[in-house]
Amino acid sequence: MEWFNNNASAVIAASAALLAAIVAGGFALLGAIVNNKANKQQREELFQAERWKSNRQLFIEKGEEAIGLISSLSNEFLAVVNATTIDTVGGQDGAISDKVKERLINTNSGAILDRLDTLITAYFPELLPFKEDILKIYQLGLRKYFEYVMGKVSKQDAAIDLLKCNESLVNKAQNFKLELSRKISQTL
């Protein structure tokens, strides 16, 4: 006990130093953990921002491609509808003209429609009704033409219906492109 009394101040100082070292070490460890969490969160936020930028760029590129495909598809459809309209007005009753046959055979609309369908379904599914409407208008135009060829409707009625289909195709394609442009601009 006498040794303790003689060395009490040294023991107390050593204990205080040890306690201070433990407390300092604990705070250093806590600081390192907090710092690591903050760094990890910052890296994740940076990764999320980079991923968002790359997804946004992809979304914009696919949207631009889809707009081009809408234009190409409507041009293909309009070429067929125009050929059928010209054939209806100036052609012979009861026969499909060679020009219409050639236009129907050489149309590239199937490949364009497949690619457009893929893009719209994958990136802009809410716009599928626009694509379906364009397809329905085109099919209506063909049906009206074939009804004329089969003698079910008059030349005048067929021509009027085909001109309406032409106008509807143009308007629907413009609305489709406009709506797609709005979707793209929302990502900017």
C-alpha atoms as a PDB file:
ATOM      1  CA  MET A   1       0.000   0.000   0.000  1.00  0.00           C
ATOM      2  CA  GLU A   2       2.855   2.311   0.728  1.00  0.00           C
ATOM      3  CA  TRP A   3       4.092   1.875  -2.839  1.00  0.00           C
ATOM      4  CA  PHE A   4       0.652   2.908  -4.049  1.00  0.00           C
ATOM      5  CA  ASN A   5       0.676   5.977  -1.807  1.00  0.00           C
ATOM      6  CA  ASN A   6       4.138   6.931  -3.009  1.00  0.00           C
ATOM      7  CA  ASN A   7       3.288   6.409  -6.663  1.00  0.00           C
ATOM      8  CA  ALA A   8      -0.385   7.490  -6.593  1.00  0.00           C
ATOM      9  CA  SER A   9       0.149  10.582  -8.666  1.00  0.00           C
ATOM     10  CA  ALA A  10       2.065   8.583 -11.281  1.00  0.00           C
ATOM     11  CA  VAL A  11      -0.628   5.866 -11.337  1.00  0.00           C
ATOM     12  CA  ILE A  12      -3.376   8.489 -11.637  1.00  0.00           C
ATOM     13  CA  ALA A  13      -1.489  10.264 -14.431  1.00  0.00           C
ATOM     14  CA  ALA A  14      -0.900   6.982 -16.259  1.00  0.00           C
ATOM     15  CA  SER A  15      -4.563   6.001 -15.836  1.00  0.00           C
ATOM     16  CA  ALA A  16      -5.682   9.402 -17.103  1.00  0.00           C
ATOM     17  CA  ALA A  17      -3.342   9.117 -20.079  1.00  0.00           C
ATOM     18  CA  LEU A  18      -4.604   5.605 -20.816  1.00  0.00           C
ATOM     19  CA  LEU A  19      -8.217   6.747 -20.534  1.00  0.00           C
ATOM     20  CA  ALA A  20      -7.490   9.756 -22.778  1.00  0.00           C
ATOM     21  CA  ALA A  21      -5.843   7.463 -25.334  1.00  0.00           C
ATOM     22  CA  ILE A  22      -8.842   5.109 -25.266  1.00  0.00           C
ATOM     23  CA  VAL A  23     -11.299   8.014 -25.646  1.00  0.00           C
ATOM     24  CA  ALA A  24      -9.206   9.569 -28.429  1.00  0.00           C
ATOM     25  CA  GLY A  25      -8.950   6.197 -30.170  1.00  0.00           C
ATOM     26  CA  GLY A  26     -12.711   5.714 -29.867  1.00  0.00           C
ATOM     27  CA  PHE A  27     -13.386   9.121 -31.383  1.00  0.00           C
ATOM     28  CA  ALA A  28     -10.849   8.480 -34.127  1.00  0.00           C
ATOM     29  CA  LEU A  29     -12.528   5.156 -34.907  1.00  0.00           C
ATOM     30  CA  LEU A  30     -15.967   6.780 -34.852  1.00  0.00           C
ATOM     31  CA  GLY A  31     -14.688   9.574 -37.116  1.00  0.00           C
ATOM     32  CA  ALA A  32     -13.258   7.034 -39.555  1.00  0.00           C
ATOM     33  CA  ILE A  33     -16.549   5.109 -39.661  1.00  0.00           C
ATOM     34  CA  VAL A  34     -18.576   8.282 -40.235  1.00  0.00           C
ATOM     35  CA  ASN A  35     -16.091   9.451 -42.869  1.00  0.00           C
ATOM     36  CA  ASN A  36     -16.230   6.088 -44.661  1.00  0.00           C
ATOM     37  CA  LYS A  37     -20.030   6.171 -44.680  1.00  0.00           C
ATOM     38  CA  ALA A  38     -20.014   9.709 -46.055  1.00  0.00           C
ATOM     39  CA  ASN A  39     -17.491   8.756 -48.740  1.00  0.00           C
ATOM     40  CA  LYS A  40     -19.504   5.670 -49.669  1.00  0.00           C
ATOM     41  CA  GLN A  41     -22.697   7.710 -49.922  1.00  0.00           C
ATOM     42  CA  GLN A  42     -20.917  10.327 -52.030  1.00  0.00           C
ATOM     43  CA  ARG A  43     -19.586   7.622 -54.391  1.00  0.00           C
ATOM     44  CA  GLU A  44     -23.069   6.102 -54.691  1.00  0.00           C
ATOM     45  CA  GLU A  45     -24.605   9.498 -55.441  1.00  0.00           C
ATOM     46  CA  LEU A  46     -21.932  10.163 -58.046  1.00  0.00           C
ATOM     47  CA  PHE A  47     -22.547   6.736 -59.582  1.00  0.00           C
ATOM     48  CA  GLN A  48     -26.308   7.376 -59.623  1.00  0.00           C
ATOM     49  CA  ALA A  49     -25.750  10.756 -61.302  1.00  0.00           C
ATOM     50  CA  GLU A  50     -23.477   9.218 -63.942  1.00  0.00           C
ATOM     51  CA  ARG A  51     -25.920   6.393 -64.558  1.00  0.00           C
ATOM     52  CA  TRP A  52     -28.781   8.893 -64.856  1.00  0.00           C
ATOM     53  CA  LYS A  53     -26.771  10.929 -67.380  1.00  0.00           C
ATOM     54  CA  SER A  54     -25.985   7.885 -69.497  1.00  0.00           C
ATOM     55  CA  ASN A  55     -29.602   6.665 -69.311  1.00  0.00           C
ATOM     56  CA  ARG A  56     -30.809  10.133 -70.246  1.00  0.00           C
ATOM     57  CA  GLN A  57     -28.467  10.207 -73.234  1.00  0.00           C
ATOM     58  CA  LEU A  58     -29.655   6.763 -74.336  1.00  0.00           C
ATOM     59  CA  PHE A  59     -33.289   7.846 -73.888  1.00  0.00           C
ATOM     60  CA  ILE A  60     -32.678  10.943 -76.024  1.00  0.00           C
ATOM     61  CA  GLU A  61     -30.896   8.944 -78.750  1.00  0.00           C
ATOM     62  CA  LYS A  62     -33.665   6.342 -78.889  1.00  0.00           C
ATOM     63  CA  GLY A  63     -36.277   9.099 -78.973  1.00  0.00           C
ATOM     64  CA  GLU A  64     -34.524  10.797 -81.871  1.00  0.00           C
ATOM     65  CA  GLU A  65     -34.314   7.476 -83.706  1.00  0.00           C
ATOM     66  CA  ALA A  66     -38.020   6.862 -83.074  1.00  0.00           C
ATOM     67  CA  ILE A  67     -38.913  10.300 -84.469  1.00  0.00           C
ATOM     68  CA  GLY A  68     -36.966   9.490 -87.637  1.00  0.00           C
ATOM     69  CA  LEU A  69     -38.717   6.128 -87.893  1.00  0.00           C
ATOM     70  CA  ILE A  70     -42.124   7.768 -87.480  1.00  0.00           C
ATOM     71  CA  SER A  71     -41.283  10.081 -90.377  1.00  0.00           C
ATOM     72  CA  SER A  72     -40.053   7.182 -92.511  1.00  0.00           C
ATOM     73  CA  LEU A  73     -43.081   5.047 -91.679  1.00  0.00           C
ATOM     74  CA  SER A  74     -45.559   7.808 -92.404  1.00  0.00           C
ATOM     75  CA  ASN A  75     -43.759   8.536 -95.692  1.00  0.00           C
ATOM     76  CA  GLU A  76     -43.988   4.854 -96.664  1.00  0.00           C
ATOM     77  CA  PHE A  77     -47.661   4.711 -95.736  1.00  0.00           C
ATOM     78  CA  LEU A  78     -48.389   8.002 -97.510  1.00  0.00           C
ATOM     79  CA  ALA A  79     -46.668   6.771-100.662  1.00  0.00           C
ATOM     80  CA  VAL A  80     -48.984   3.755-100.758  1.00  0.00           C
ATOM     81  CA  VAL A  81     -52.097   5.787 -99.927  1.00  0.00           C
ATOM     82  CA  ASN A  82     -51.161   8.405-102.539  1.00  0.00           C
ATOM     83  CA  ALA A  83     -50.593   5.710-105.158  1.00  0.00           C
ATOM     84  CA  THR A  84     -53.977   4.178-104.374  1.00  0.00           C
ATOM     85  CA  THR A  85     -55.639   7.603-104.484  1.00  0.00           C
ATOM     86  CA  ILE A  86     -54.104   8.382-107.880  1.00  0.00           C
ATOM     87  CA  ASP A  87     -55.086   4.951-109.124  1.00  0.00           C
ATOM     88  CA  THR A  88     -58.637   5.434-107.856  1.00  0.00           C
ATOM     89  CA  VAL A  89     -59.044   8.809-109.529  1.00  0.00           C
ATOM     90  CA  GLY A  90     -57.288   8.036-112.784  1.00  0.00           C
ATOM     91  CA  GLY A  91     -57.124   4.273-113.053  1.00  0.00           C
ATOM     92  CA  GLN A  92     -59.343   1.609-114.457  1.00  0.00           C
ATOM     93  CA  ASP A  93     -62.167   0.264-112.359  1.00  0.00           C
ATOM     94  CA  GLY A  94     -61.819  -3.269-111.050  1.00  0.00           C
ATOM     95  CA  ALA A  95     -58.057  -3.684-111.280  1.00  0.00           C
ATOM     96  CA  ILE A  96     -55.071  -2.899-109.107  1.00  0.00           C
ATOM     97  CA  SER A  97     -52.604  -0.867-111.107  1.00  0.00           C
ATOM     98  CA  ASP A  98     -49.010  -1.952-111.581  1.00  0.00           C
ATOM     99  CA  LYS A  99     -47.875   1.195-109.783  1.00  0.00           C
ATOM    100  CA  VAL A 100     -49.870   0.277-106.657  1.00  0.00           C
ATOM    101  CA  LYS A 101     -48.667  -3.336-106.827  1.00  0.00           C
ATOM    102  CA  GLU A 102     -45.064  -2.154-107.102  1.00  0.00           C
ATOM    103  CA  ARG A 103     -45.540   0.283-104.230  1.00  0.00           C
ATOM    104  CA  LEU A 104     -47.056  -2.420-102.016  1.00  0.00           C
ATOM    105  CA  ILE A 105     -44.323  -4.922-102.858  1.00  0.00           C
ATOM    106  CA  ASN A 106     -41.423  -2.500-102.459  1.00  0.00           C
ATOM    107  CA  THR A 107     -42.576  -0.804 -99.285  1.00  0.00           C
ATOM    108  CA  ASN A 108     -40.093  -0.868 -96.440  1.00  0.00           C
ATOM    109  CA  SER A 109     -42.783  -0.273 -93.836  1.00  0.00           C
ATOM    110  CA  GLY A 110     -42.527  -3.726 -92.237  1.00  0.00           C
ATOM    111  CA  ALA A 111     -38.913  -3.299 -91.131  1.00  0.00           C
ATOM    112  CA  ILE A 112     -39.538   0.284 -90.055  1.00  0.00           C
ATOM    113  CA  LEU A 113     -42.644  -0.720 -88.129  1.00  0.00           C
ATOM    114  CA  ASP A 114     -40.764  -3.533 -86.362  1.00  0.00           C
ATOM    115  CA  ARG A 115     -37.957  -1.216 -85.226  1.00  0.00           C
ATOM    116  CA  LEU A 116     -40.392   1.534 -84.221  1.00  0.00           C
ATOM    117  CA  ASP A 117     -42.472  -0.969 -82.278  1.00  0.00           C
ATOM    118  CA  THR A 118     -39.362  -2.133 -80.409  1.00  0.00           C
ATOM    119  CA  LEU A 119     -38.293   1.401 -79.505  1.00  0.00           C
ATOM    120  CA  ILE A 120     -41.745   2.570 -78.478  1.00  0.00           C
ATOM    121  CA  THR A 121     -42.435  -0.554 -76.423  1.00  0.00           C
ATOM    122  CA  ALA A 122     -39.058  -0.392 -74.660  1.00  0.00           C
ATOM    123  CA  TYR A 123     -38.692   3.339 -74.062  1.00  0.00           C
ATOM    124  CA  PHE A 124     -42.067   5.030 -74.582  1.00  0.00           C
ATOM    125  CA  PRO A 125     -44.823   2.460 -73.911  1.00  0.00           C
ATOM    126  CA  GLU A 126     -47.368   5.162 -73.149  1.00  0.00           C
ATOM    127  CA  LEU A 127     -47.150   6.224 -76.827  1.00  0.00           C
ATOM    128  CA  LEU A 128     -48.146   2.836 -78.278  1.00  0.00           C
ATOM    129  CA  PRO A 129     -51.691   4.067 -79.054  1.00  0.00           C
ATOM    130  CA  PHE A 130     -50.247   6.644 -81.477  1.00  0.00           C
ATOM    131  CA  LYS A 131     -48.443   3.913 -83.413  1.00  0.00           C
ATOM    132  CA  GLU A 132     -51.554   1.754 -83.432  1.00  0.00           C
ATOM    133  CA  ASP A 133     -53.641   4.679 -84.707  1.00  0.00           C
ATOM    134  CA  ILE A 134     -51.252   5.279 -87.618  1.00  0.00           C
ATOM    135  CA  LEU A 135     -51.385   1.602 -88.520  1.00  0.00           C
ATOM    136  CA  LYS A 136     -55.196   1.561 -88.348  1.00  0.00           C
ATOM    137  CA  ILE A 137     -55.471   4.613 -90.611  1.00  0.00           C
ATOM    138  CA  TYR A 138     -53.147   2.982 -93.149  1.00  0.00           C
ATOM    139  CA  GLN A 139     -55.121  -0.254 -93.049  1.00  0.00           C
ATOM    140  CA  LEU A 140     -58.362   1.695 -93.459  1.00  0.00           C
ATOM    141  CA  GLY A 141     -56.932   3.375 -96.560  1.00  0.00           C
ATOM    142  CA  LEU A 142     -55.969   0.025 -98.058  1.00  0.00           C
ATOM    143  CA  ARG A 143     -59.370  -1.417 -97.233  1.00  0.00           C
ATOM    144  CA  LYS A 144     -61.128   1.520 -98.917  1.00  0.00           C
ATOM    145  CA  TYR A 145     -58.958   1.087-101.993  1.00  0.00           C
ATOM    146  CA  PHE A 146     -59.651  -2.641-102.215  1.00  0.00           C
ATOM    147  CA  GLU A 147     -63.372  -2.021-101.722  1.00  0.00           C
ATOM    148  CA  TYR A 148     -63.184   0.329-104.711  1.00  0.00           C
ATOM    149  CA  VAL A 149     -61.267  -2.237-106.779  1.00  0.00           C
ATOM    150  CA  MET A 150     -63.868  -4.887-105.926  1.00  0.00           C
ATOM    151  CA  GLY A 151     -66.670  -2.506-106.917  1.00  0.00           C
ATOM    152  CA  LYS A 152     -68.151  -2.171-103.429  1.00  0.00           C
ATOM    153  CA  VAL A 153     -67.798   1.633-103.346  1.00  0.00           C
ATOM    154  CA  SER A 154     -67.843   4.299-106.021  1.00  0.00           C
ATOM    155  CA  LYS A 155     -64.750   5.991-107.377  1.00  0.00           C
ATOM    156  CA  GLN A 156     -65.785   9.275-105.784  1.00  0.00           C
ATOM    157  CA  ASP A 157     -66.419   7.775-102.328  1.00  0.00           C
ATOM    158  CA  ALA A 158     -63.161   5.840-102.440  1.00  0.00           C
ATOM    159  CA  ALA A 159     -61.198   8.934-103.474  1.00  0.00           C
ATOM    160  CA  ILE A 160     -62.752  10.992-100.669  1.00  0.00           C
ATOM    161  CA  ASP A 161     -62.017   8.269 -98.115  1.00  0.00           C
ATOM    162  CA  LEU A 162     -58.435   7.915 -99.326  1.00  0.00           C
ATOM    163  CA  LEU A 163     -57.870  11.669 -99.128  1.00  0.00           C
ATOM    164  CA  LYS A 164     -59.223  11.621 -95.562  1.00  0.00           C
ATOM    165  CA  CYS A 165     -56.831   8.779 -94.730  1.00  0.00           C
ATOM    166  CA  ASN A 166     -53.977  10.773 -96.221  1.00  0.00           C
ATOM    167  CA  GLU A 167     -54.829  13.789 -94.090  1.00  0.00           C
ATOM    168  CA  SER A 168     -55.318  11.650 -90.979  1.00  0.00           C
ATOM    169  CA  LEU A 169     -51.951   9.950 -91.513  1.00  0.00           C
ATOM    170  CA  VAL A 170     -50.173  13.288 -91.761  1.00  0.00           C
ATOM    171  CA  ASN A 171     -51.905  14.678 -88.666  1.00  0.00           C
ATOM    172  CA  LYS A 172     -51.461  11.552 -86.555  1.00  0.00           C
ATOM    173  CA  ALA A 173     -47.758  11.280 -87.476  1.00  0.00           C
ATOM    174  CA  GLN A 174     -47.240  14.940 -86.530  1.00  0.00           C
ATOM    175  CA  ASN A 175     -49.040  14.434 -83.216  1.00  0.00           C
ATOM    176  CA  PHE A 176     -47.002  11.294 -82.556  1.00  0.00           C
ATOM    177  CA  LYS A 177     -43.718  13.114 -83.194  1.00  0.00           C
ATOM    178  CA  LEU A 178     -44.843  16.076 -81.094  1.00  0.00           C
ATOM    179  CA  GLU A 179     -45.776  13.874 -78.138  1.00  0.00           C
ATOM    180  CA  LEU A 180     -42.496  11.979 -78.437  1.00  0.00           C
ATOM    181  CA  SER A 181     -40.600  15.284 -78.514  1.00  0.00           C
ATOM    182  CA  ARG A 182     -42.370  16.309 -75.313  1.00  0.00           C
ATOM    183  CA  LYS A 183     -41.309  13.070 -73.652  1.00  0.00           C
ATOM    184  CA  ILE A 184     -37.711  13.634 -74.714  1.00  0.00           C
ATOM    185  CA  SER A 185     -37.689  17.259 -73.569  1.00  0.00           C
ATOM    186  CA  GLN A 186     -38.904  16.181 -70.125  1.00  0.00           C
ATOM    187  CA  THR A 187     -35.617  14.328 -69.632  1.00  0.00           C
ATOM    188  CA  LEU A 188     -33.475  17.372 -70.363  1.00  0.00           C
END
